[in-house]
Amino acid sequence: MSVPAGCKWHWLASLLLALWAGCGMAREAIDLHAYQSADGAIRLQIDGDLVDPYFAMKALLLADEMGLPVKPAAEAWIAWLLPRREAGGSFPRFVAQPGGGWKRLANADADDSSLALWISLLYRVHGDSAGMSPELQQSLRQARADLLQLRVQPAGIYHYARGADVGYLMDNAEVYEALRDDCQHGGKSCRLARQLELAVGKVFWDARRRVWRTASHGEPAAAFYPRTAAQLFPLMAGMQLPRGQRTYDDWLAGEGLPWLLQDAEVLDYAWGLLTVAAIKNKRDDVAQQWMARAASSRDGQRWNVLEEAVFQGLEQRFGPLAK
């Protein structure tokens, strides 16, 4: 490229400034040293003894979505979890043993969500199946097949486990994201993703009340979780929203206000993942308010690896909180 002599200094200064800015924008990887053990397991809470694969995978996916590099932590986690996945697609929960190692504690809370997160995580870490080991490629194929076994007709939604007779809005939003990832990165499940997006609206949207039902039938009693939190899951999943859905600001000013205020009498956890909805609605101010109010809960009983991943993502986006 030819640069006029009189402009060379300005061009060089601009180039150096751009290079300096690029270095300053280098992203720090997620730091899970207080949650991830040397063998790759990711505990639910800091220095805890419980491993819940749902929370670990959700944390890594959210961190990736918020721009935190996750590959080293995710690869160690995937290597730990891969041989522990059970027939039928279950990712059970584990508890640490006094002498070392891990013992199976309980079934997954929901197989549909766990399978969905596994599919998404494999793609987010490896890009496509060509970058996966033969073992991971086989696990991806099996997860896809196991997830399909949870699909019910004619409704077109997914039940949370084999033999179950109910589907949940939040689970199906996560399944939709996995099918979309499978479509974009693997060329699979494209038709299933489109069908599920339509099915979710038909099964879960209550047009009269202008709210999302949390379950296909037998809704639980009104509470922040699942009723209030669930209203944001289709939005966060990037699904087409129905006509008449209340705006994010309406949610925040109404039933979502205890979340913003971090009202401990209403919330079981800090619910950091809901900041994703704030960011998608261009409400960085709300995400920053959550960050400031939730900071006092960090590393306490109302904090888990999912909250930590979100908090670190927000620190990278906005900078650390002032001391």
C-alpha atoms as a PDB file:
ATOM      1  CA  MET A   1       0.000   0.000   0.000  1.00  0.00           C
ATOM      2  CA  SER A   2       1.388   3.412  -0.981  1.00  0.00           C
ATOM      3  CA  VAL A   3       1.148   6.200   1.613  1.00  0.00           C
ATOM      4  CA  PRO A   4       1.845   9.859   0.672  1.00  0.00           C
ATOM      5  CA  ALA A   5       4.989  11.168   2.346  1.00  0.00           C
ATOM      6  CA  GLY A   6       3.189  13.920   4.217  1.00  0.00           C
ATOM      7  CA  CYS A   7       0.738  11.429   5.703  1.00  0.00           C
ATOM      8  CA  LYS A   8       3.212   8.746   6.744  1.00  0.00           C
ATOM      9  CA  TRP A   9       3.535   9.968  10.323  1.00  0.00           C
ATOM     10  CA  HIS A  10      -0.201  10.218  10.802  1.00  0.00           C
ATOM     11  CA  TRP A  11      -0.687   6.796   9.234  1.00  0.00           C
ATOM     12  CA  LEU A  12       1.979   5.256  11.485  1.00  0.00           C
ATOM     13  CA  ALA A  13       0.503   6.878  14.588  1.00  0.00           C
ATOM     14  CA  SER A  14      -2.944   5.595  13.666  1.00  0.00           C
ATOM     15  CA  LEU A  15      -1.572   2.106  13.135  1.00  0.00           C
ATOM     16  CA  LEU A  16       0.223   2.099  16.495  1.00  0.00           C
ATOM     17  CA  LEU A  17      -2.903   3.381  18.218  1.00  0.00           C
ATOM     18  CA  ALA A  18      -4.982   0.615  16.633  1.00  0.00           C
ATOM     19  CA  LEU A  19      -2.462  -2.027  17.670  1.00  0.00           C
ATOM     20  CA  TRP A  20      -2.395  -0.661  21.217  1.00  0.00           C
ATOM     21  CA  ALA A  21      -6.195  -0.679  21.369  1.00  0.00           C
ATOM     22  CA  GLY A  22      -6.266  -4.231  20.074  1.00  0.00           C
ATOM     23  CA  CYS A  23      -3.905  -5.339  22.823  1.00  0.00           C
ATOM     24  CA  GLY A  24      -5.981  -3.526  25.408  1.00  0.00           C
ATOM     25  CA  MET A  25      -9.079  -5.341  24.190  1.00  0.00           C
ATOM     26  CA  ALA A  26      -7.608  -8.826  24.732  1.00  0.00           C
ATOM     27  CA  ARG A  27     -10.179 -10.839  26.596  1.00  0.00           C
ATOM     28  CA  GLU A  28      -9.308 -12.675  29.774  1.00  0.00           C
ATOM     29  CA  ALA A  29     -10.477 -16.276  30.035  1.00  0.00           C
ATOM     30  CA  ILE A  30     -13.057 -17.249  32.613  1.00  0.00           C
ATOM     31  CA  ASP A  31     -11.454 -17.923  35.996  1.00  0.00           C
ATOM     32  CA  LEU A  32     -12.985 -20.966  37.683  1.00  0.00           C
ATOM     33  CA  HIS A  33     -10.094 -21.851  39.963  1.00  0.00           C
ATOM     34  CA  ALA A  34     -12.363 -21.839  43.024  1.00  0.00           C
ATOM     35  CA  TYR A  35     -14.931 -24.069  41.301  1.00  0.00           C
ATOM     36  CA  GLN A  36     -13.008 -26.439  39.031  1.00  0.00           C
ATOM     37  CA  SER A  37     -10.911 -29.225  40.519  1.00  0.00           C
ATOM     38  CA  ALA A  38      -7.713 -30.589  39.002  1.00  0.00           C
ATOM     39  CA  ASP A  39      -9.571 -33.467  37.338  1.00  0.00           C
ATOM     40  CA  GLY A  40     -11.835 -31.060  35.434  1.00  0.00           C
ATOM     41  CA  ALA A  41     -15.013 -31.353  37.533  1.00  0.00           C
ATOM     42  CA  ILE A  42     -16.860 -28.060  38.043  1.00  0.00           C
ATOM     43  CA  ARG A  43     -18.596 -27.735  41.399  1.00  0.00           C
ATOM     44  CA  LEU A  44     -21.895 -25.975  41.856  1.00  0.00           C
ATOM     45  CA  GLN A  45     -20.673 -23.656  44.607  1.00  0.00           C
ATOM     46  CA  ILE A  46     -17.323 -22.367  45.692  1.00  0.00           C
ATOM     47  CA  ASP A  47     -15.379 -25.065  47.571  1.00  0.00           C
ATOM     48  CA  GLY A  48     -18.550 -27.186  47.549  1.00  0.00           C
ATOM     49  CA  ASP A  49     -18.868 -30.926  47.072  1.00  0.00           C
ATOM     50  CA  LEU A  50     -21.750 -31.094  44.570  1.00  0.00           C
ATOM     51  CA  VAL A  51     -21.381 -31.264  40.776  1.00  0.00           C
ATOM     52  CA  ASP A  52     -24.524 -30.482  38.796  1.00  0.00           C
ATOM     53  CA  PRO A  53     -23.723 -30.753  35.063  1.00  0.00           C
ATOM     54  CA  TYR A  54     -26.590 -28.444  34.122  1.00  0.00           C
ATOM     55  CA  PHE A  55     -25.136 -25.495  36.050  1.00  0.00           C
ATOM     56  CA  ALA A  56     -21.576 -26.141  34.865  1.00  0.00           C
ATOM     57  CA  MET A  57     -22.571 -26.300  31.200  1.00  0.00           C
ATOM     58  CA  LYS A  58     -24.921 -23.322  31.461  1.00  0.00           C
ATOM     59  CA  ALA A  59     -22.160 -21.290  33.108  1.00  0.00           C
ATOM     60  CA  LEU A  60     -19.674 -22.065  30.331  1.00  0.00           C
ATOM     61  CA  LEU A  61     -22.219 -21.277  27.614  1.00  0.00           C
ATOM     62  CA  LEU A  62     -23.213 -17.965  29.182  1.00  0.00           C
ATOM     63  CA  ALA A  63     -19.579 -16.987  29.668  1.00  0.00           C
ATOM     64  CA  ASP A  64     -18.939 -17.742  25.995  1.00  0.00           C
ATOM     65  CA  GLU A  65     -21.994 -15.715  24.977  1.00  0.00           C
ATOM     66  CA  MET A  66     -20.727 -12.777  27.021  1.00  0.00           C
ATOM     67  CA  GLY A  67     -17.320 -12.887  25.358  1.00  0.00           C
ATOM     68  CA  LEU A  68     -15.222 -14.734  27.930  1.00  0.00           C
ATOM     69  CA  PRO A  69     -12.869 -17.339  26.436  1.00  0.00           C
ATOM     70  CA  VAL A  70     -13.849 -20.678  27.975  1.00  0.00           C
ATOM     71  CA  LYS A  71     -11.971 -23.308  25.972  1.00  0.00           C
ATOM     72  CA  PRO A  72      -9.397 -24.488  28.578  1.00  0.00           C
ATOM     73  CA  ALA A  73     -11.997 -24.807  31.334  1.00  0.00           C
ATOM     74  CA  ALA A  74     -14.570 -26.304  28.974  1.00  0.00           C
ATOM     75  CA  GLU A  75     -12.217 -28.883  27.484  1.00  0.00           C
ATOM     76  CA  ALA A  76     -11.244 -30.119  30.952  1.00  0.00           C
ATOM     77  CA  TRP A  77     -14.913 -30.253  31.961  1.00  0.00           C
ATOM     78  CA  ILE A  78     -15.956 -32.108  28.797  1.00  0.00           C
ATOM     79  CA  ALA A  79     -13.187 -34.689  29.324  1.00  0.00           C
ATOM     80  CA  TRP A  80     -14.417 -35.219  32.901  1.00  0.00           C
ATOM     81  CA  LEU A  81     -18.100 -35.497  32.019  1.00  0.00           C
ATOM     82  CA  LEU A  82     -17.887 -37.560  28.816  1.00  0.00           C
ATOM     83  CA  PRO A  83     -17.275 -40.966  30.464  1.00  0.00           C
ATOM     84  CA  ARG A  84     -19.861 -40.244  33.173  1.00  0.00           C
ATOM     85  CA  ARG A  85     -22.811 -39.782  30.852  1.00  0.00           C
ATOM     86  CA  GLU A  86     -25.278 -42.612  31.288  1.00  0.00           C
ATOM     87  CA  ALA A  87     -27.294 -44.686  28.828  1.00  0.00           C
ATOM     88  CA  GLY A  88     -30.369 -42.853  27.639  1.00  0.00           C
ATOM     89  CA  GLY A  89     -28.648 -39.492  27.790  1.00  0.00           C
ATOM     90  CA  SER A  90     -28.720 -38.720  31.495  1.00  0.00           C
ATOM     91  CA  PHE A  91     -26.073 -36.429  32.973  1.00  0.00           C
ATOM     92  CA  PRO A  92     -26.443 -37.310  36.666  1.00  0.00           C
ATOM     93  CA  ARG A  93     -25.373 -35.190  39.598  1.00  0.00           C
ATOM     94  CA  PHE A  94     -22.327 -36.150  41.659  1.00  0.00           C
ATOM     95  CA  VAL A  95     -20.971 -35.607  45.158  1.00  0.00           C
ATOM     96  CA  ALA A  96     -17.326 -35.549  46.225  1.00  0.00           C
ATOM     97  CA  GLN A  97     -16.026 -38.463  48.277  1.00  0.00           C
ATOM     98  CA  PRO A  98     -13.910 -37.922  51.422  1.00  0.00           C
ATOM     99  CA  GLY A  99     -11.065 -40.023  50.022  1.00  0.00           C
ATOM    100  CA  GLY A 100     -11.182 -38.408  46.619  1.00  0.00           C
ATOM    101  CA  GLY A 101     -13.201 -39.045  43.490  1.00  0.00           C
ATOM    102  CA  TRP A 102     -16.897 -38.626  42.828  1.00  0.00           C
ATOM    103  CA  LYS A 103     -20.022 -40.639  43.556  1.00  0.00           C
ATOM    104  CA  ARG A 104     -23.278 -40.564  41.633  1.00  0.00           C
ATOM    105  CA  LEU A 105     -25.817 -38.681  43.724  1.00  0.00           C
ATOM    106  CA  ALA A 106     -28.998 -38.283  41.670  1.00  0.00           C
ATOM    107  CA  ASN A 107     -30.470 -38.166  38.182  1.00  0.00           C
ATOM    108  CA  ALA A 108     -30.293 -34.988  36.172  1.00  0.00           C
ATOM    109  CA  ASP A 109     -33.006 -32.532  37.111  1.00  0.00           C
ATOM    110  CA  ALA A 110     -34.073 -32.504  33.448  1.00  0.00           C
ATOM    111  CA  ASP A 111     -32.651 -34.663  30.670  1.00  0.00           C
ATOM    112  CA  ASP A 112     -33.911 -32.446  27.853  1.00  0.00           C
ATOM    113  CA  SER A 113     -32.031 -29.386  29.134  1.00  0.00           C
ATOM    114  CA  SER A 114     -28.876 -31.347  29.927  1.00  0.00           C
ATOM    115  CA  LEU A 115     -28.749 -32.933  26.495  1.00  0.00           C
ATOM    116  CA  ALA A 116     -29.393 -29.568  24.869  1.00  0.00           C
ATOM    117  CA  LEU A 117     -26.601 -27.859  26.784  1.00  0.00           C
ATOM    118  CA  TRP A 118     -24.180 -30.683  25.952  1.00  0.00           C
ATOM    119  CA  ILE A 119     -24.892 -30.312  22.228  1.00  0.00           C
ATOM    120  CA  SER A 120     -24.457 -26.530  22.370  1.00  0.00           C
ATOM    121  CA  LEU A 121     -21.277 -26.754  24.438  1.00  0.00           C
ATOM    122  CA  LEU A 122     -19.587 -29.197  22.065  1.00  0.00           C
ATOM    123  CA  TYR A 123     -20.252 -26.847  19.159  1.00  0.00           C
ATOM    124  CA  ARG A 124     -19.242 -23.682  21.030  1.00  0.00           C
ATOM    125  CA  VAL A 125     -15.904 -25.226  22.025  1.00  0.00           C
ATOM    126  CA  HIS A 126     -15.044 -27.056  18.791  1.00  0.00           C
ATOM    127  CA  GLY A 127     -16.867 -25.058  16.119  1.00  0.00           C
ATOM    128  CA  ASP A 128     -18.114 -28.085  14.200  1.00  0.00           C
ATOM    129  CA  SER A 129     -17.970 -31.851  14.455  1.00  0.00           C
ATOM    130  CA  ALA A 130     -14.796 -31.987  12.331  1.00  0.00           C
ATOM    131  CA  GLY A 131     -12.917 -30.412  15.217  1.00  0.00           C
ATOM    132  CA  MET A 132     -14.141 -33.031  17.689  1.00  0.00           C
ATOM    133  CA  SER A 133     -12.502 -36.324  18.602  1.00  0.00           C
ATOM    134  CA  PRO A 134     -14.223 -39.511  17.369  1.00  0.00           C
ATOM    135  CA  GLU A 135     -15.538 -40.031  20.919  1.00  0.00           C
ATOM    136  CA  LEU A 136     -17.087 -36.565  21.003  1.00  0.00           C
ATOM    137  CA  GLN A 137     -18.529 -36.973  17.512  1.00  0.00           C
ATOM    138  CA  GLN A 138     -20.233 -40.162  18.661  1.00  0.00           C
ATOM    139  CA  SER A 139     -21.445 -38.447  21.837  1.00  0.00           C
ATOM    140  CA  LEU A 140     -22.903 -35.632  19.741  1.00  0.00           C
ATOM    141  CA  ARG A 141     -24.757 -38.081  17.511  1.00  0.00           C
ATOM    142  CA  GLN A 142     -26.070 -39.976  20.516  1.00  0.00           C
ATOM    143  CA  ALA A 143     -27.166 -36.782  22.288  1.00  0.00           C
ATOM    144  CA  ARG A 144     -29.046 -35.731  19.156  1.00  0.00           C
ATOM    145  CA  ALA A 145     -30.797 -39.113  19.026  1.00  0.00           C
ATOM    146  CA  ASP A 146     -31.541 -39.165  22.768  1.00  0.00           C
ATOM    147  CA  LEU A 147     -33.006 -35.667  22.613  1.00  0.00           C
ATOM    148  CA  LEU A 148     -35.267 -36.678  19.761  1.00  0.00           C
ATOM    149  CA  GLN A 149     -36.642 -39.474  21.950  1.00  0.00           C
ATOM    150  CA  LEU A 150     -38.024 -36.772  24.280  1.00  0.00           C
ATOM    151  CA  ARG A 151     -40.009 -35.068  21.514  1.00  0.00           C
ATOM    152  CA  VAL A 152     -43.745 -35.629  21.741  1.00  0.00           C
ATOM    153  CA  GLN A 153     -46.382 -35.469  19.039  1.00  0.00           C
ATOM    154  CA  PRO A 154     -48.624 -33.868  18.049  1.00  0.00           C
ATOM    155  CA  ALA A 155     -47.564 -31.008  20.337  1.00  0.00           C
ATOM    156  CA  GLY A 156     -44.003 -30.925  19.017  1.00  0.00           C
ATOM    157  CA  ILE A 157     -42.423 -29.924  22.322  1.00  0.00           C
ATOM    158  CA  TYR A 158     -39.947 -31.905  24.424  1.00  0.00           C
ATOM    159  CA  HIS A 159     -40.712 -33.596  27.729  1.00  0.00           C
ATOM    160  CA  TYR A 160     -38.098 -33.283  30.427  1.00  0.00           C
ATOM    161  CA  ALA A 161     -37.337 -37.021  30.692  1.00  0.00           C
ATOM    162  CA  ARG A 162     -38.344 -40.361  29.247  1.00  0.00           C
ATOM    163  CA  GLY A 163     -41.665 -41.465  30.638  1.00  0.00           C
ATOM    164  CA  ALA A 164     -42.532 -37.951  31.801  1.00  0.00           C
ATOM    165  CA  ASP A 165     -45.803 -36.402  30.665  1.00  0.00           C
ATOM    166  CA  VAL A 166     -44.941 -32.730  30.975  1.00  0.00           C
ATOM    167  CA  GLY A 167     -42.752 -30.241  29.156  1.00  0.00           C
ATOM    168  CA  TYR A 168     -41.335 -27.005  30.544  1.00  0.00           C
ATOM    169  CA  LEU A 169     -40.983 -23.656  28.827  1.00  0.00           C
ATOM    170  CA  MET A 170     -37.433 -23.015  30.015  1.00  0.00           C
ATOM    171  CA  ASP A 171     -36.253 -26.480  28.966  1.00  0.00           C
ATOM    172  CA  ASN A 172     -37.770 -26.098  25.520  1.00  0.00           C
ATOM    173  CA  ALA A 173     -36.115 -22.708  25.047  1.00  0.00           C
ATOM    174  CA  GLU A 174     -32.746 -24.366  25.747  1.00  0.00           C
ATOM    175  CA  VAL A 175     -33.585 -27.247  23.416  1.00  0.00           C
ATOM    176  CA  TYR A 176     -34.375 -24.678  20.722  1.00  0.00           C
ATOM    177  CA  GLU A 177     -30.938 -23.100  21.161  1.00  0.00           C
ATOM    178  CA  ALA A 178     -29.281 -26.521  20.848  1.00  0.00           C
ATOM    179  CA  LEU A 179     -31.224 -27.384  17.694  1.00  0.00           C
ATOM    180  CA  ARG A 180     -30.274 -24.004  16.245  1.00  0.00           C
ATOM    181  CA  ASP A 181     -26.595 -24.655  17.065  1.00  0.00           C
ATOM    182  CA  ASP A 182     -26.898 -28.088  15.468  1.00  0.00           C
ATOM    183  CA  CYS A 183     -28.355 -26.450  12.371  1.00  0.00           C
ATOM    184  CA  GLN A 184     -25.790 -23.655  12.116  1.00  0.00           C
ATOM    185  CA  HIS A 185     -22.671 -25.690  12.895  1.00  0.00           C
ATOM    186  CA  GLY A 186     -23.615 -29.220  11.927  1.00  0.00           C
ATOM    187  CA  GLY A 187     -26.244 -28.789   9.227  1.00  0.00           C
ATOM    188  CA  LYS A 188     -28.623 -30.937  11.293  1.00  0.00           C
ATOM    189  CA  SER A 189     -31.912 -30.309  13.118  1.00  0.00           C
ATOM    190  CA  CYS A 190     -32.843 -27.208  11.089  1.00  0.00           C
ATOM    191  CA  ARG A 191     -36.404 -28.366  10.494  1.00  0.00           C
ATOM    192  CA  LEU A 192     -36.751 -29.452  14.117  1.00  0.00           C
ATOM    193  CA  ALA A 193     -35.647 -26.006  15.318  1.00  0.00           C
ATOM    194  CA  ARG A 194     -38.261 -24.261  13.185  1.00  0.00           C
ATOM    195  CA  GLN A 195     -40.955 -26.680  14.299  1.00  0.00           C
ATOM    196  CA  LEU A 196     -40.101 -26.257  17.965  1.00  0.00           C
ATOM    197  CA  GLU A 197     -40.186 -22.474  17.732  1.00  0.00           C
ATOM    198  CA  LEU A 198     -43.752 -22.687  16.463  1.00  0.00           C
ATOM    199  CA  ALA A 199     -44.731 -25.376  18.952  1.00  0.00           C
ATOM    200  CA  VAL A 200     -43.488 -23.367  21.941  1.00  0.00           C
ATOM    201  CA  GLY A 201     -45.792 -20.494  21.008  1.00  0.00           C
ATOM    202  CA  LYS A 202     -48.782 -22.786  20.595  1.00  0.00           C
ATOM    203  CA  VAL A 203     -48.279 -24.772  23.793  1.00  0.00           C
ATOM    204  CA  PHE A 204     -46.922 -22.232  26.270  1.00  0.00           C
ATOM    205  CA  TRP A 205     -48.213 -18.779  25.256  1.00  0.00           C
ATOM    206  CA  ASP A 206     -51.388 -17.673  27.019  1.00  0.00           C
ATOM    207  CA  ALA A 207     -52.721 -14.955  24.727  1.00  0.00           C
ATOM    208  CA  ARG A 208     -55.564 -14.009  27.064  1.00  0.00           C
ATOM    209  CA  ARG A 209     -53.318 -13.320  30.061  1.00  0.00           C
ATOM    210  CA  ARG A 210     -50.367 -12.266  27.893  1.00  0.00           C
ATOM    211  CA  VAL A 211     -47.963 -14.477  29.794  1.00  0.00           C
ATOM    212  CA  TRP A 212     -45.928 -17.584  29.148  1.00  0.00           C
ATOM    213  CA  ARG A 213     -47.084 -20.742  30.885  1.00  0.00           C
ATOM    214  CA  THR A 214     -44.160 -22.444  32.565  1.00  0.00           C
ATOM    215  CA  ALA A 215     -45.400 -25.994  31.965  1.00  0.00           C
ATOM    216  CA  SER A 216     -47.466 -27.731  29.323  1.00  0.00           C
ATOM    217  CA  HIS A 217     -49.972 -28.565  32.051  1.00  0.00           C
ATOM    218  CA  GLY A 218     -50.178 -28.469  35.831  1.00  0.00           C
ATOM    219  CA  GLU A 219     -48.468 -25.113  36.318  1.00  0.00           C
ATOM    220  CA  PRO A 220     -46.721 -24.666  39.677  1.00  0.00           C
ATOM    221  CA  ALA A 221     -47.779 -21.978  42.130  1.00  0.00           C
ATOM    222  CA  ALA A 222     -46.780 -18.415  41.349  1.00  0.00           C
ATOM    223  CA  ALA A 223     -43.205 -17.652  42.442  1.00  0.00           C
ATOM    224  CA  PHE A 224     -40.153 -15.897  41.064  1.00  0.00           C
ATOM    225  CA  TYR A 225     -38.884 -19.269  39.901  1.00  0.00           C
ATOM    226  CA  PRO A 226     -40.227 -20.554  37.688  1.00  0.00           C
ATOM    227  CA  ARG A 227     -43.098 -18.190  36.882  1.00  0.00           C
ATOM    228  CA  THR A 228     -41.376 -14.799  36.789  1.00  0.00           C
ATOM    229  CA  ALA A 229     -37.986 -15.891  35.453  1.00  0.00           C
ATOM    230  CA  ALA A 230     -39.571 -18.005  32.728  1.00  0.00           C
ATOM    231  CA  GLN A 231     -41.102 -14.960  31.030  1.00  0.00           C
ATOM    232  CA  LEU A 232     -37.656 -13.991  29.726  1.00  0.00           C
ATOM    233  CA  PHE A 233     -36.417 -17.348  28.453  1.00  0.00           C
ATOM    234  CA  PRO A 234     -37.918 -17.180  24.940  1.00  0.00           C
ATOM    235  CA  LEU A 235     -36.401 -13.722  24.561  1.00  0.00           C
ATOM    236  CA  MET A 236     -32.984 -14.860  25.764  1.00  0.00           C
ATOM    237  CA  ALA A 237     -33.110 -17.858  23.411  1.00  0.00           C
ATOM    238  CA  GLY A 238     -33.722 -15.556  20.452  1.00  0.00           C
ATOM    239  CA  MET A 239     -37.109 -17.046  19.659  1.00  0.00           C
ATOM    240  CA  GLN A 240     -39.825 -15.234  17.756  1.00  0.00           C
ATOM    241  CA  LEU A 241     -41.989 -13.533  20.360  1.00  0.00           C
ATOM    242  CA  PRO A 242     -45.782 -13.542  20.171  1.00  0.00           C
ATOM    243  CA  ARG A 243     -47.861 -10.461  19.559  1.00  0.00           C
ATOM    244  CA  GLY A 244     -48.976  -8.967  22.852  1.00  0.00           C
ATOM    245  CA  GLN A 245     -46.009 -10.014  24.943  1.00  0.00           C
ATOM    246  CA  ARG A 246     -45.185  -7.392  27.526  1.00  0.00           C
ATOM    247  CA  THR A 247     -41.996  -5.461  26.979  1.00  0.00           C
ATOM    248  CA  TYR A 248     -38.866  -6.084  28.984  1.00  0.00           C
ATOM    249  CA  ASP A 249     -39.303  -2.721  30.698  1.00  0.00           C
ATOM    250  CA  ASP A 250     -42.825  -3.709  31.766  1.00  0.00           C
ATOM    251  CA  TRP A 251     -41.458  -6.947  33.226  1.00  0.00           C
ATOM    252  CA  LEU A 252     -38.733  -5.065  35.058  1.00  0.00           C
ATOM    253  CA  ALA A 253     -41.082  -2.473  36.516  1.00  0.00           C
ATOM    254  CA  GLY A 254     -43.513  -5.169  37.683  1.00  0.00           C
ATOM    255  CA  GLU A 255     -42.771  -8.722  38.731  1.00  0.00           C
ATOM    256  CA  GLY A 256     -39.093  -8.401  37.811  1.00  0.00           C
ATOM    257  CA  LEU A 257     -38.396  -5.563  40.242  1.00  0.00           C
ATOM    258  CA  PRO A 258     -37.392  -7.867  43.158  1.00  0.00           C
ATOM    259  CA  TRP A 259     -34.725  -9.313  40.878  1.00  0.00           C
ATOM    260  CA  LEU A 260     -33.240  -5.902  40.147  1.00  0.00           C
ATOM    261  CA  LEU A 261     -33.363  -4.998  43.840  1.00  0.00           C
ATOM    262  CA  GLN A 262     -31.928  -8.418  44.779  1.00  0.00           C
ATOM    263  CA  ASP A 263     -34.672  -8.955  47.340  1.00  0.00           C
ATOM    264  CA  ALA A 264     -33.435 -11.943  49.368  1.00  0.00           C
ATOM    265  CA  GLU A 265     -36.950 -12.727  50.571  1.00  0.00           C
ATOM    266  CA  VAL A 266     -38.070 -13.403  47.006  1.00  0.00           C
ATOM    267  CA  LEU A 267     -34.962 -14.836  45.349  1.00  0.00           C
ATOM    268  CA  ASP A 268     -33.288 -18.161  46.065  1.00  0.00           C
ATOM    269  CA  TYR A 269     -30.233 -17.210  43.992  1.00  0.00           C
ATOM    270  CA  ALA A 270     -29.007 -13.958  42.494  1.00  0.00           C
ATOM    271  CA  TRP A 271     -30.257 -15.067  39.064  1.00  0.00           C
ATOM    272  CA  GLY A 272     -27.481 -13.484  37.081  1.00  0.00           C
ATOM    273  CA  LEU A 273     -28.462 -15.196  33.852  1.00  0.00           C
ATOM    274  CA  LEU A 274     -31.398 -12.775  33.543  1.00  0.00           C
ATOM    275  CA  THR A 275     -28.919 -10.000  32.826  1.00  0.00           C
ATOM    276  CA  VAL A 276     -28.704 -11.532  29.336  1.00  0.00           C
ATOM    277  CA  ALA A 277     -32.236 -10.258  28.723  1.00  0.00           C
ATOM    278  CA  ALA A 278     -31.211  -6.789  29.887  1.00  0.00           C
ATOM    279  CA  ILE A 279     -28.254  -6.714  27.507  1.00  0.00           C
ATOM    280  CA  LYS A 280     -30.328  -7.989  24.579  1.00  0.00           C
ATOM    281  CA  ASN A 281     -32.782  -5.156  25.265  1.00  0.00           C
ATOM    282  CA  LYS A 282     -29.927  -2.627  25.250  1.00  0.00           C
ATOM    283  CA  ARG A 283     -30.363  -2.012  28.966  1.00  0.00           C
ATOM    284  CA  ASP A 284     -26.737  -2.073  30.020  1.00  0.00           C
ATOM    285  CA  ASP A 285     -27.748   0.217  32.864  1.00  0.00           C
ATOM    286  CA  VAL A 286     -29.912  -2.572  34.302  1.00  0.00           C
ATOM    287  CA  ALA A 287     -27.109  -5.119  33.999  1.00  0.00           C
ATOM    288  CA  GLN A 288     -24.783  -2.731  35.823  1.00  0.00           C
ATOM    289  CA  GLN A 289     -27.341  -2.185  38.580  1.00  0.00           C
ATOM    290  CA  TRP A 290     -27.717  -5.932  39.028  1.00  0.00           C
ATOM    291  CA  MET A 291     -23.948  -6.288  39.162  1.00  0.00           C
ATOM    292  CA  ALA A 292     -23.608  -3.649  41.880  1.00  0.00           C
ATOM    293  CA  ARG A 293     -26.447  -5.039  44.005  1.00  0.00           C
ATOM    294  CA  ALA A 294     -25.507  -8.700  43.606  1.00  0.00           C
ATOM    295  CA  ALA A 295     -21.825  -8.219  44.431  1.00  0.00           C
ATOM    296  CA  SER A 296     -22.421  -8.598  48.171  1.00  0.00           C
ATOM    297  CA  SER A 297     -23.778 -12.122  47.572  1.00  0.00           C
ATOM    298  CA  ARG A 298     -20.660 -13.274  45.770  1.00  0.00           C
ATOM    299  CA  ASP A 299     -19.245 -16.516  47.174  1.00  0.00           C
ATOM    300  CA  GLY A 300     -22.173 -16.845  49.603  1.00  0.00           C
ATOM    301  CA  GLN A 301     -25.023 -19.353  49.747  1.00  0.00           C
ATOM    302  CA  ARG A 302     -27.007 -17.472  47.096  1.00  0.00           C
ATOM    303  CA  TRP A 303     -24.126 -17.686  44.624  1.00  0.00           C
ATOM    304  CA  ASN A 304     -23.126 -20.510  42.291  1.00  0.00           C
ATOM    305  CA  VAL A 305     -20.888 -21.089  39.292  1.00  0.00           C
ATOM    306  CA  LEU A 306     -23.569 -19.734  36.964  1.00  0.00           C
ATOM    307  CA  GLU A 307     -23.708 -16.435  38.842  1.00  0.00           C
ATOM    308  CA  GLU A 308     -19.914 -16.316  38.838  1.00  0.00           C
ATOM    309  CA  ALA A 309     -19.689 -16.784  35.067  1.00  0.00           C
ATOM    310  CA  VAL A 310     -22.184 -13.982  34.477  1.00  0.00           C
ATOM    311  CA  PHE A 311     -20.457 -11.677  36.947  1.00  0.00           C
ATOM    312  CA  GLN A 312     -17.081 -12.181  35.262  1.00  0.00           C
ATOM    313  CA  GLY A 313     -18.686 -11.546  31.889  1.00  0.00           C
ATOM    314  CA  LEU A 314     -20.123  -8.285  33.153  1.00  0.00           C
ATOM    315  CA  GLU A 315     -16.766  -7.279  34.640  1.00  0.00           C
ATOM    316  CA  GLN A 316     -15.216  -7.713  31.238  1.00  0.00           C
ATOM    317  CA  ARG A 317     -18.006  -5.729  29.610  1.00  0.00           C
ATOM    318  CA  PHE A 318     -18.171  -2.855  32.092  1.00  0.00           C
ATOM    319  CA  GLY A 319     -14.950  -3.103  34.106  1.00  0.00           C
ATOM    320  CA  PRO A 320     -14.586  -4.177  37.752  1.00  0.00           C
ATOM    321  CA  LEU A 321     -16.718  -2.495  40.385  1.00  0.00           C
ATOM    322  CA  ALA A 322     -15.082   0.369  42.222  1.00  0.00           C
ATOM    323  CA  LYS A 323     -13.731  -0.659  45.610  1.00  0.00           C
END
